Amino acid sequence: MLEDGSVQDVVLVTQLPSDSWFEGFALRPNGKILTSRLDEPELYTFNAEDPEATPQLLHNFEEHANGLINVCPFPGTRDEYLVLSAIVDLVNITFEEFILWRVSLSPDDSSPPKVTKITDIKDTGFCIGVYAVSDRVFLLPDSFKNCIWRLDIQTGQISLLVADDTMKAAEGEGNFFGLNRIRITDEFLWFTNTSAGMLCRIPIERVQEDPSVGIRTTGPVQIVTDDIPHCDGLALSRDQTSVYTCSYMDGFIWKVSVDPSTGKGTTSVVMRNLASPTAVELHYIDDKPKLFIVCCGEIEMGWFVQDDQNPWSEVANINSAVTVTVVTVEETVEES
């Protein structure tokens, strides 16, 4: 339970290998979670509410990438997802050769997933996630080019949705990342800026008359709060008055209480003493909120440091050579 009682049911996702880095997360219809590994090109599933569950390796994209950036549920389907892969250099903080994949899973995971390449993502900086507007249009936040791209997966065309100074990384050594997580509602596009410690939102409207556009902004960026330094993860309550994000450096969860009349937020800590939290997801089950928190472990990585330092410059200390015990399925057949 969170300290303020706003969410009674909290699930700490701690079953993942403690020397790995996981960012992507999706809750599946069968109650399991789907999660992607940044420091290896691996996709896992398991029951997050079973503390003894062993993560099952669903697919390895090693022929095309060395890391997975994010996962996104595919609208209008029961158990299909988009997966964003890349060539990741965690030593030099570079991310290249982005590819977007469609992954179809079986309900009981008895058969291997069907993996289909959708498109190469070119002429971007660091696409740090993928988010659905519709079953045709997806958004790609770009942490290096300080903007959000619109992708039409039917044509593969990428266009600029919005760019703003609030998406830029903060000045100073070691502040590599600005724009990070986004969330889309009918009224707003919400986003975080990791190094600037900001939560912002942009008024939007859906574009029903043109399926290739899907969404447009209708006003300037609004800064909700600027006191969540080194934030990661982003989750919204249904009424958009409570926003949750985590501090991967200090090991706690923030709640930003948003005043509906002003759009301004008040920040409080609602959970503490977590082991490297990197993602939060809020789902409603029988109309009751359940908060999932992905914890990468209390491990000796250079990027897990205290609040007066910056972890990204030491990210090379991640040990990707560690053997991980997993349950594997048969090899997937890819379709191009």
Protein backbone atom coordinates (compact mmCIF):
# COMPACT_ATOMS: atom_id res chain seq x y z
CA MET A 1 0.00 0.00 0.00
CA LEU A 2 1.20 3.52 -0.75
CA GLU A 3 1.85 5.73 2.27
CA ASP A 4 -1.07 8.06 1.50
CA GLY A 5 -3.49 5.18 0.90
CA SER A 6 -4.27 6.29 -2.66
CA VAL A 7 -3.46 2.81 -3.97
CA GLN A 8 -4.06 -0.13 -1.67
CA ASP A 9 -2.71 -2.83 -3.97
CA VAL A 10 0.97 -2.48 -4.89
CA VAL A 11 2.94 -5.19 -6.71
CA LEU A 12 6.73 -5.02 -6.55
CA VAL A 13 8.19 -6.71 -9.63
CA THR A 14 11.42 -8.11 -8.18
CA GLN A 15 11.74 -11.49 -9.93
CA LEU A 16 13.94 -10.17 -12.75
CA PRO A 17 17.70 -10.82 -12.81
CA SER A 18 19.18 -8.32 -10.38
CA ASP A 19 22.09 -7.37 -12.62
CA SER A 20 19.91 -6.39 -15.57
CA TRP A 21 18.09 -3.27 -16.70
CA PHE A 22 14.39 -3.48 -17.58
CA GLU A 23 12.32 -0.55 -18.85
CA GLY A 24 9.44 -1.81 -21.02
CA PHE A 25 6.35 -3.19 -19.29
CA ALA A 26 2.82 -4.28 -20.26
CA LEU A 27 0.09 -6.16 -18.41
CA ARG A 28 -1.27 -9.08 -20.43
CA PRO A 29 -4.88 -10.39 -20.53
CA ASN A 30 -3.78 -13.63 -18.84
CA GLY A 31 -2.59 -11.68 -15.79
CA LYS A 32 1.11 -12.04 -16.55
CA ILE A 33 3.35 -9.14 -17.44
CA LEU A 34 5.46 -8.65 -20.55
CA THR A 35 8.75 -6.86 -20.02
CA SER A 36 11.75 -5.93 -22.17
CA ARG A 37 15.41 -5.83 -21.22
CA LEU A 38 17.52 -2.83 -22.18
CA ASP A 39 20.96 -4.35 -21.70
CA GLU A 40 20.07 -7.49 -23.70
CA PRO A 41 17.60 -7.94 -26.61
CA GLU A 42 15.30 -10.17 -24.56
CA LEU A 43 11.54 -10.28 -24.04
CA TYR A 44 10.16 -11.97 -20.90
CA THR A 45 6.83 -12.88 -19.38
CA PHE A 46 5.83 -14.11 -15.90
CA ASN A 47 3.30 -13.73 -13.11
CA ALA A 48 4.43 -10.60 -11.30
CA GLU A 49 2.27 -11.37 -8.26
CA ASP A 50 4.04 -14.66 -7.61
CA PRO A 51 7.31 -13.83 -5.81
CA GLU A 52 8.69 -17.25 -6.73
CA ALA A 53 7.87 -16.96 -10.46
CA THR A 54 10.69 -17.60 -12.90
CA PRO A 55 10.76 -15.19 -15.86
CA GLN A 56 10.13 -17.02 -19.13
CA LEU A 57 12.24 -15.90 -22.07
CA LEU A 58 9.85 -15.50 -25.01
CA HIS A 59 12.17 -14.20 -27.69
CA ASN A 60 15.70 -12.96 -28.26
CA PHE A 61 16.22 -10.35 -31.00
CA GLU A 62 19.99 -10.87 -31.05
CA GLU A 63 20.16 -11.15 -34.85
CA HIS A 64 18.90 -7.58 -35.17
CA ALA A 65 19.64 -5.73 -31.92
CA ASN A 66 21.47 -5.88 -28.62
CA GLY A 67 18.82 -4.17 -26.50
CA LEU A 68 15.06 -3.60 -26.27
CA ILE A 69 13.88 -0.08 -25.51
CA ASN A 70 10.17 -0.46 -24.85
CA VAL A 71 6.97 -2.43 -25.39
CA CYS A 72 3.46 -1.20 -26.16
CA PRO A 73 0.09 -3.00 -26.32
CA PHE A 74 -1.36 -3.06 -29.83
CA PRO A 75 -4.87 -1.50 -29.78
CA GLY A 76 -7.76 -3.67 -30.88
CA THR A 77 -5.94 -6.95 -30.21
CA ARG A 78 -6.06 -9.32 -27.27
CA ASP A 79 -2.40 -10.21 -26.76
CA GLU A 80 -0.28 -8.38 -29.33
CA TYR A 81 2.41 -5.76 -28.76
CA LEU A 82 4.87 -3.48 -30.46
CA VAL A 83 8.50 -3.88 -29.40
CA LEU A 84 11.15 -1.25 -30.09
CA SER A 85 14.67 -2.64 -30.50
CA ALA A 86 18.01 -0.92 -31.09
CA ILE A 87 21.77 -1.20 -31.14
CA VAL A 88 22.58 0.07 -27.67
CA ASP A 89 26.01 1.24 -26.50
CA LEU A 90 25.67 1.78 -22.77
CA VAL A 91 29.33 2.77 -22.48
CA ASN A 92 29.15 5.72 -24.86
CA ILE A 93 25.41 6.40 -24.38
CA THR A 94 24.46 5.86 -28.02
CA PHE A 95 21.32 4.28 -29.45
CA GLU A 96 21.04 3.45 -33.15
CA GLU A 97 19.36 1.24 -35.76
CA PHE A 98 15.88 1.30 -34.25
CA ILE A 99 13.43 -1.34 -35.48
CA LEU A 100 9.75 -1.65 -34.60
CA TRP A 101 8.35 -5.18 -34.30
CA ARG A 102 4.89 -6.64 -33.87
CA VAL A 103 4.76 -9.56 -31.44
CA SER A 104 1.72 -11.84 -31.16
CA LEU A 105 1.55 -14.08 -28.07
CA SER A 106 -0.44 -17.23 -27.34
CA PRO A 107 -2.73 -17.03 -24.28
CA ASP A 108 -0.92 -19.75 -22.33
CA ASP A 109 2.53 -19.26 -23.91
CA SER A 110 2.50 -22.87 -25.07
CA SER A 111 3.57 -21.85 -28.56
CA PRO A 112 6.31 -19.41 -29.55
CA PRO A 113 5.35 -15.82 -30.36
CA LYS A 114 4.92 -14.65 -33.91
CA VAL A 115 7.38 -11.83 -34.53
CA THR A 116 6.97 -9.55 -37.54
CA LYS A 117 9.12 -6.59 -38.49
CA ILE A 118 7.05 -3.45 -39.09
CA THR A 119 9.61 -0.82 -40.05
CA ASP A 120 13.04 0.67 -39.48
CA ILE A 121 12.98 3.94 -37.54
CA LYS A 122 15.37 6.30 -39.31
CA ASP A 123 16.53 9.92 -38.98
CA THR A 124 15.79 10.13 -35.28
CA GLY A 125 17.94 10.61 -32.17
CA PHE A 126 17.08 8.33 -29.25
CA CYS A 127 13.53 7.02 -29.48
CA ILE A 128 13.02 6.15 -25.85
CA GLY A 129 9.59 4.53 -26.17
CA VAL A 130 6.58 3.71 -28.34
CA TYR A 131 2.97 4.62 -27.44
CA ALA A 132 -0.32 3.93 -29.21
CA VAL A 133 -2.68 6.62 -30.44
CA SER A 134 -4.65 4.14 -32.56
CA ASP A 135 -4.03 0.85 -34.33
CA ARG A 136 -2.30 2.86 -37.06
CA VAL A 137 -0.61 5.84 -35.39
CA PHE A 138 2.05 5.54 -32.67
CA LEU A 139 4.15 8.17 -30.91
CA LEU A 140 7.93 8.00 -30.44
CA PRO A 141 9.42 10.33 -27.80
CA ASP A 142 12.95 11.32 -28.84
CA SER A 143 15.18 12.13 -25.87
CA PHE A 144 18.09 13.39 -27.98
CA LYS A 145 16.19 15.53 -30.51
CA ASN A 146 13.79 16.90 -27.85
CA CYS A 147 10.60 16.07 -29.68
CA ILE A 148 7.81 13.56 -30.17
CA TRP A 149 7.45 11.86 -33.54
CA ARG A 150 4.24 10.55 -35.09
CA LEU A 151 4.59 7.19 -36.87
CA ASP A 152 2.06 5.83 -39.35
CA ILE A 153 2.77 2.08 -39.34
CA GLN A 154 0.77 1.52 -42.53
CA THR A 155 3.15 3.66 -44.56
CA GLY A 156 6.20 3.81 -42.29
CA GLN A 157 6.10 7.61 -42.52
CA ILE A 158 7.42 9.60 -39.55
CA SER A 159 6.38 13.21 -38.97
CA LEU A 160 6.96 15.71 -36.17
CA LEU A 161 4.11 16.03 -33.68
CA VAL A 162 5.68 18.51 -31.24
CA ALA A 163 9.07 19.86 -30.13
CA ASP A 164 9.59 22.09 -27.12
CA ASP A 165 12.35 23.40 -24.84
CA THR A 166 10.75 21.57 -21.90
CA MET A 167 11.85 18.34 -23.58
CA LYS A 168 15.55 19.25 -23.56
CA ALA A 169 17.99 17.68 -21.11
CA ALA A 170 19.07 19.93 -18.27
CA GLU A 171 22.40 21.68 -18.59
CA GLY A 172 25.37 20.21 -16.79
CA GLU A 173 27.74 17.30 -17.06
CA GLY A 174 26.14 13.88 -17.15
CA ASN A 175 22.63 15.07 -18.03
CA PHE A 176 22.21 12.94 -21.13
CA PHE A 177 18.45 12.42 -21.15
CA GLY A 178 15.59 14.87 -21.26
CA LEU A 179 12.21 13.71 -22.59
CA ASN A 180 11.44 10.25 -21.25
CA ARG A 181 8.02 8.70 -20.62
CA ILE A 182 4.73 9.80 -22.17
CA ARG A 183 1.08 8.96 -21.58
CA ILE A 184 -1.87 9.81 -23.81
CA THR A 185 -5.42 10.62 -22.67
CA ASP A 186 -8.31 12.18 -24.59
CA GLU A 187 -7.43 15.64 -23.27
CA PHE A 188 -3.67 15.70 -22.77
CA LEU A 189 -0.34 14.25 -23.81
CA TRP A 190 1.65 13.89 -20.56
CA PHE A 191 5.44 13.56 -20.46
CA THR A 192 8.39 13.56 -18.09
CA ASN A 193 11.82 15.10 -18.46
CA THR A 194 14.30 12.99 -16.51
CA SER A 195 17.29 15.30 -16.02
CA ALA A 196 15.16 18.45 -15.65
CA GLY A 197 12.88 16.68 -13.18
CA MET A 198 9.70 17.87 -14.84
CA LEU A 199 6.20 16.56 -15.39
CA CYS A 200 4.40 18.34 -18.22
CA ARG A 201 1.27 18.02 -20.31
CA ILE A 202 0.11 19.29 -23.69
CA PRO A 203 -3.55 19.83 -24.67
CA ILE A 204 -4.48 17.57 -27.57
CA GLU A 205 -7.41 16.45 -29.66
CA ARG A 206 -8.05 13.26 -31.57
CA VAL A 207 -8.22 13.58 -35.36
CA GLN A 208 -10.99 11.19 -36.35
CA GLU A 209 -11.32 12.48 -39.90
CA ASP A 210 -7.75 11.53 -40.85
CA PRO A 211 -6.57 8.14 -39.53
CA SER A 212 -3.01 8.82 -40.71
CA VAL A 213 -2.79 11.84 -38.37
CA GLY A 214 -4.62 10.48 -35.35
CA ILE A 215 -3.74 13.28 -32.93
CA ARG A 216 -2.78 16.97 -32.88
CA THR A 217 -1.78 19.44 -30.20
CA THR A 218 -4.15 22.31 -29.40
CA GLY A 219 -2.09 24.44 -27.02
CA PRO A 220 1.33 25.05 -25.48
CA VAL A 221 3.17 22.82 -23.02
CA GLN A 222 2.03 23.17 -19.41
CA ILE A 223 4.55 22.48 -16.64
CA VAL A 224 2.77 20.54 -13.89
CA THR A 225 5.78 20.28 -11.56
CA ASP A 226 9.56 20.56 -11.76
CA ASP A 227 10.64 18.83 -8.55
CA ILE A 228 10.98 15.16 -9.57
CA PRO A 229 14.70 14.90 -10.45
CA HIS A 230 15.95 11.75 -12.22
CA CYS A 231 12.39 10.46 -12.60
CA ASP A 232 11.59 7.27 -14.50
CA GLY A 233 8.26 5.63 -15.25
CA LEU A 234 4.91 7.40 -15.56
CA ALA A 235 1.40 6.31 -14.56
CA LEU A 236 -1.88 8.26 -14.38
CA SER A 237 -5.04 7.71 -12.39
CA ARG A 238 -8.24 7.54 -14.40
CA ASP A 239 -9.28 11.08 -13.46
CA GLN A 240 -5.75 12.42 -14.12
CA THR A 241 -5.52 13.97 -10.66
CA SER A 242 -2.82 11.55 -9.46
CA VAL A 243 0.41 10.91 -11.34
CA TYR A 244 3.02 8.37 -10.21
CA THR A 245 6.69 8.20 -11.13
CA CYS A 246 9.79 6.76 -9.49
CA SER A 247 13.26 7.84 -8.46
CA TYR A 248 15.64 5.14 -9.64
CA MET A 249 18.46 6.84 -7.73
CA ASP A 250 16.80 7.27 -4.34
CA GLY A 251 14.50 4.27 -4.45
CA PHE A 252 11.13 5.85 -3.90
CA ILE A 253 7.81 6.55 -5.63
CA TRP A 254 6.51 10.05 -6.11
CA LYS A 255 2.85 10.99 -6.32
CA VAL A 256 2.03 14.27 -8.05
CA SER A 257 -1.42 15.48 -7.00
CA VAL A 258 -2.78 17.60 -9.86
CA ASP A 259 -5.28 20.40 -9.26
CA PRO A 260 -7.85 20.04 -12.08
CA SER A 261 -8.61 23.77 -12.10
CA THR A 262 -5.00 24.97 -12.45
CA GLY A 263 -3.11 21.97 -13.81
CA LYS A 264 -0.44 22.49 -11.16
CA GLY A 265 0.92 19.61 -9.13
CA THR A 266 2.03 18.99 -5.56
CA THR A 267 4.65 16.29 -5.11
CA SER A 268 4.94 13.82 -2.23
CA VAL A 269 6.82 10.57 -1.58
CA VAL A 270 4.41 7.65 -1.19
CA MET A 271 6.78 4.65 -1.08
CA ARG A 272 10.40 4.33 -0.01
CA ASN A 273 13.37 1.95 0.19
CA LEU A 274 12.88 0.34 -3.22
CA ALA A 275 15.70 -1.31 -5.18
CA SER A 276 16.34 0.66 -8.39
CA PRO A 277 12.74 1.22 -9.55
CA THR A 278 12.63 1.97 -13.29
CA ALA A 279 8.98 1.64 -14.33
CA VAL A 280 5.49 2.06 -12.88
CA GLU A 281 2.20 0.91 -14.39
CA LEU A 282 -1.26 1.60 -12.94
CA HIS A 283 -4.10 -0.72 -13.91
CA TYR A 284 -7.69 -0.90 -12.72
CA ILE A 285 -8.97 -4.36 -11.89
CA ASP A 286 -12.65 -4.51 -10.88
CA ASP A 287 -12.47 -0.69 -10.71
CA LYS A 288 -9.74 -0.82 -8.07
CA PRO A 289 -6.28 0.59 -8.85
CA LYS A 290 -3.28 -1.72 -8.78
CA LEU A 291 0.21 -0.25 -9.09
CA PHE A 292 3.03 -2.36 -10.55
CA ILE A 293 6.58 -1.21 -9.82
CA VAL A 294 9.52 -2.74 -11.71
CA CYS A 295 12.61 -2.97 -9.49
CA CYS A 296 15.96 -3.80 -11.05
CA GLY A 297 17.52 -4.83 -7.75
CA GLU A 298 19.83 -3.62 -4.99
CA ILE A 299 22.93 -4.29 -7.04
CA GLU A 300 26.39 -2.88 -7.50
CA MET A 301 25.98 -0.85 -10.66
CA GLY A 302 27.74 2.42 -11.14
CA TRP A 303 24.52 4.09 -12.24
CA PHE A 304 22.80 3.33 -8.94
CA VAL A 305 24.08 6.24 -6.85
CA GLN A 306 22.79 8.94 -4.54
CA ASP A 307 20.90 12.08 -5.48
CA ASP A 308 23.89 14.44 -5.77
CA GLN A 309 25.45 12.35 -8.54
CA ASN A 310 24.37 11.27 -11.99
CA PRO A 311 24.13 7.53 -12.77
CA TRP A 312 24.21 7.65 -16.55
CA SER A 313 27.91 8.44 -16.87
CA GLU A 314 28.68 5.17 -15.06
CA VAL A 315 26.21 3.02 -16.95
CA ALA A 316 29.05 1.00 -18.48
CA ASN A 317 29.40 -0.90 -15.22
CA ILE A 318 26.34 -2.97 -16.10
CA ASN A 319 27.42 -6.59 -16.43
CA SER A 320 25.64 -8.08 -19.44
CA ALA A 321 27.69 -11.27 -19.35
CA VAL A 322 25.95 -12.74 -16.31
CA THR A 323 24.20 -16.05 -16.88
CA VAL A 324 20.44 -15.79 -16.35
CA THR A 325 18.32 -18.80 -15.47
CA VAL A 326 15.13 -18.72 -17.52
CA VAL A 327 12.52 -21.02 -18.98
CA THR A 328 12.64 -20.86 -22.77
CA VAL A 329 10.15 -21.63 -25.51
CA GLU A 330 10.79 -22.80 -29.05
CA GLU A 331 12.48 -20.51 -31.51
CA THR A 332 10.18 -17.97 -33.17
CA VAL A 333 9.85 -17.76 -36.93
CA GLU A 334 10.23 -14.16 -38.06
CA GLU A 335 8.41 -12.68 -41.00
CA SER A 336 9.77 -9.69 -42.85
